[in-house]
Amino acid sequence: MSSVRIYARHTAALAASAALAATGLLATAPAAQAAPPTPVSASTARTYLASLTVKAEGSSSGYSRDLFPTGSPSPAPATPARWSSSATA
């Protein structure tokens, strides 16, 4: 029975060491440097829009909203989220 306790302690120590190492790696990781692309000029945007083909409106026969289920209705009505900040108090 004592060998089980020893393995349990070794496993706990190993898990704690791994968690500490992972935390250290995350804390020292560089911040993300993502940025959105530069917007195109208005004239380029107009050119892109003008090149789009708009199909004439046609029949919607064969379309049914029942083909796109949105899941089961929720048992309780949704309530608005509440958020507060002590900084604004």
C-alpha atoms as a PDB file:
ATOM      1  CA  MET A   1       0.000   0.000   0.000  1.00  0.00           C
ATOM      2  CA  SER A   2       2.895   2.372   0.722  1.00  0.00           C
ATOM      3  CA  SER A   3       4.191   2.002  -2.837  1.00  0.00           C
ATOM      4  CA  VAL A   4       0.852   3.310  -4.127  1.00  0.00           C
ATOM      5  CA  ARG A   5       1.270   6.423  -1.978  1.00  0.00           C
ATOM      6  CA  ILE A   6       4.794   6.921  -3.276  1.00  0.00           C
ATOM      7  CA  TYR A   7       3.613   6.718  -6.894  1.00  0.00           C
ATOM      8  CA  ALA A   8       0.759   9.093  -6.091  1.00  0.00           C
ATOM      9  CA  ARG A   9       3.210  11.606  -4.611  1.00  0.00           C
ATOM     10  CA  HIS A  10       5.547  11.277  -7.580  1.00  0.00           C
ATOM     11  CA  THR A  11       2.635  11.738  -9.998  1.00  0.00           C
ATOM     12  CA  ALA A  12       1.404  14.798  -8.087  1.00  0.00           C
ATOM     13  CA  ALA A  13       4.892  16.296  -8.024  1.00  0.00           C
ATOM     14  CA  LEU A  14       5.355  15.646 -11.735  1.00  0.00           C
ATOM     15  CA  ALA A  15       1.978  17.224 -12.541  1.00  0.00           C
ATOM     16  CA  ALA A  16       2.784  20.268 -10.417  1.00  0.00           C
ATOM     17  CA  SER A  17       6.172  20.640 -12.133  1.00  0.00           C
ATOM     18  CA  ALA A  18       4.587  20.395 -15.580  1.00  0.00           C
ATOM     19  CA  ALA A  19       1.935  22.986 -14.669  1.00  0.00           C
ATOM     20  CA  LEU A  20       4.591  25.354 -13.342  1.00  0.00           C
ATOM     21  CA  ALA A  21       6.704  24.943 -16.487  1.00  0.00           C
ATOM     22  CA  ALA A  22       3.692  25.563 -18.743  1.00  0.00           C
ATOM     23  CA  THR A  23       2.771  28.676 -16.766  1.00  0.00           C
ATOM     24  CA  GLY A  24       6.318  29.968 -17.127  1.00  0.00           C
ATOM     25  CA  LEU A  25       6.271  29.412 -20.880  1.00  0.00           C
ATOM     26  CA  LEU A  26       2.949  31.192 -21.258  1.00  0.00           C
ATOM     27  CA  ALA A  27       4.031  34.115 -19.093  1.00  0.00           C
ATOM     28  CA  THR A  28       7.158  34.719 -21.169  1.00  0.00           C
ATOM     29  CA  ALA A  29       5.563  34.236 -24.604  1.00  0.00           C
ATOM     30  CA  PRO A  30       5.633  37.325 -26.831  1.00  0.00           C
ATOM     31  CA  ALA A  31       2.386  39.219 -27.372  1.00  0.00           C
ATOM     32  CA  ALA A  32       0.557  38.684 -30.641  1.00  0.00           C
ATOM     33  CA  GLN A  33       1.387  41.274 -33.262  1.00  0.00           C
ATOM     34  CA  ALA A  34      -1.578  40.810 -35.599  1.00  0.00           C
ATOM     35  CA  ALA A  35      -2.946  43.841 -37.398  1.00  0.00           C
ATOM     36  CA  PRO A  36      -5.769  44.228 -39.900  1.00  0.00           C
ATOM     37  CA  PRO A  37      -4.822  44.732 -43.533  1.00  0.00           C
ATOM     38  CA  THR A  38      -4.625  48.237 -44.918  1.00  0.00           C
ATOM     39  CA  PRO A  39      -7.994  49.221 -46.431  1.00  0.00           C
ATOM     40  CA  VAL A  40      -8.158  49.684 -50.197  1.00  0.00           C
ATOM     41  CA  SER A  41      -8.899  53.101 -51.640  1.00  0.00           C
ATOM     42  CA  ALA A  42     -12.491  54.150 -52.320  1.00  0.00           C
ATOM     43  CA  SER A  43     -11.954  53.961 -56.077  1.00  0.00           C
ATOM     44  CA  THR A  44     -10.573  50.423 -55.820  1.00  0.00           C
ATOM     45  CA  ALA A  45     -13.536  49.415 -53.649  1.00  0.00           C
ATOM     46  CA  ARG A  46     -15.936  50.862 -56.243  1.00  0.00           C
ATOM     47  CA  THR A  47     -14.155  48.887 -58.977  1.00  0.00           C
ATOM     48  CA  TYR A  48     -14.461  45.684 -56.950  1.00  0.00           C
ATOM     49  CA  LEU A  49     -18.160  46.318 -56.326  1.00  0.00           C
ATOM     50  CA  ALA A  50     -18.837  47.137 -59.969  1.00  0.00           C
ATOM     51  CA  SER A  51     -17.310  43.829 -61.033  1.00  0.00           C
ATOM     52  CA  LEU A  52     -19.778  41.789 -58.958  1.00  0.00           C
ATOM     53  CA  THR A  53     -22.554  40.047 -60.835  1.00  0.00           C
ATOM     54  CA  VAL A  54     -25.973  40.386 -59.262  1.00  0.00           C
ATOM     55  CA  LYS A  55     -28.362  37.635 -60.216  1.00  0.00           C
ATOM     56  CA  ALA A  56     -31.946  38.601 -60.916  1.00  0.00           C
ATOM     57  CA  GLU A  57     -34.389  37.672 -58.180  1.00  0.00           C
ATOM     58  CA  GLY A  58     -36.048  34.377 -58.928  1.00  0.00           C
ATOM     59  CA  SER A  59     -38.425  31.901 -57.454  1.00  0.00           C
ATOM     60  CA  SER A  60     -37.882  30.526 -53.967  1.00  0.00           C
ATOM     61  CA  SER A  61     -39.750  27.340 -54.678  1.00  0.00           C
ATOM     62  CA  GLY A  62     -38.077  24.420 -52.993  1.00  0.00           C
ATOM     63  CA  TYR A  63     -36.779  26.593 -50.158  1.00  0.00           C
ATOM     64  CA  SER A  64     -37.967  25.767 -46.676  1.00  0.00           C
ATOM     65  CA  ARG A  65     -36.794  27.108 -43.342  1.00  0.00           C
ATOM     66  CA  ASP A  66     -37.491  23.663 -41.941  1.00  0.00           C
ATOM     67  CA  LEU A  67     -34.400  22.449 -43.814  1.00  0.00           C
ATOM     68  CA  PHE A  68     -32.255  24.639 -41.542  1.00  0.00           C
ATOM     69  CA  PRO A  69     -33.060  23.714 -37.950  1.00  0.00           C
ATOM     70  CA  THR A  70     -31.793  26.104 -35.308  1.00  0.00           C
ATOM     71  CA  GLY A  71     -31.904  23.649 -32.442  1.00  0.00           C
ATOM     72  CA  SER A  72     -34.468  23.070 -29.785  1.00  0.00           C
ATOM     73  CA  PRO A  73     -36.168  26.040 -28.186  1.00  0.00           C
ATOM     74  CA  SER A  74     -34.708  27.030 -24.848  1.00  0.00           C
ATOM     75  CA  PRO A  75     -36.725  26.041 -21.794  1.00  0.00           C
ATOM     76  CA  ALA A  76     -36.511  29.527 -20.296  1.00  0.00           C
ATOM     77  CA  PRO A  77     -36.602  32.928 -21.972  1.00  0.00           C
ATOM     78  CA  ALA A  78     -33.264  34.622 -22.445  1.00  0.00           C
ATOM     79  CA  THR A  79     -32.342  37.284 -19.944  1.00  0.00           C
ATOM     80  CA  PRO A  80     -30.103  40.246 -20.683  1.00  0.00           C
ATOM     81  CA  ALA A  81     -26.535  39.967 -19.495  1.00  0.00           C
ATOM     82  CA  ARG A  82     -25.606  42.086 -16.531  1.00  0.00           C
ATOM     83  CA  TRP A  83     -22.184  43.654 -16.350  1.00  0.00           C
ATOM     84  CA  SER A  84     -20.850  46.011 -13.760  1.00  0.00           C
ATOM     85  CA  SER A  85     -17.543  47.598 -13.115  1.00  0.00           C
ATOM     86  CA  SER A  86     -16.309  49.080  -9.871  1.00  0.00           C
ATOM     87  CA  ALA A  87     -14.392  51.631 -11.964  1.00  0.00           C
ATOM     88  CA  THR A  88     -17.634  53.326 -13.050  1.00  0.00           C
ATOM     89  CA  ALA A  89     -19.145  53.415  -9.550  1.00  0.00           C
END
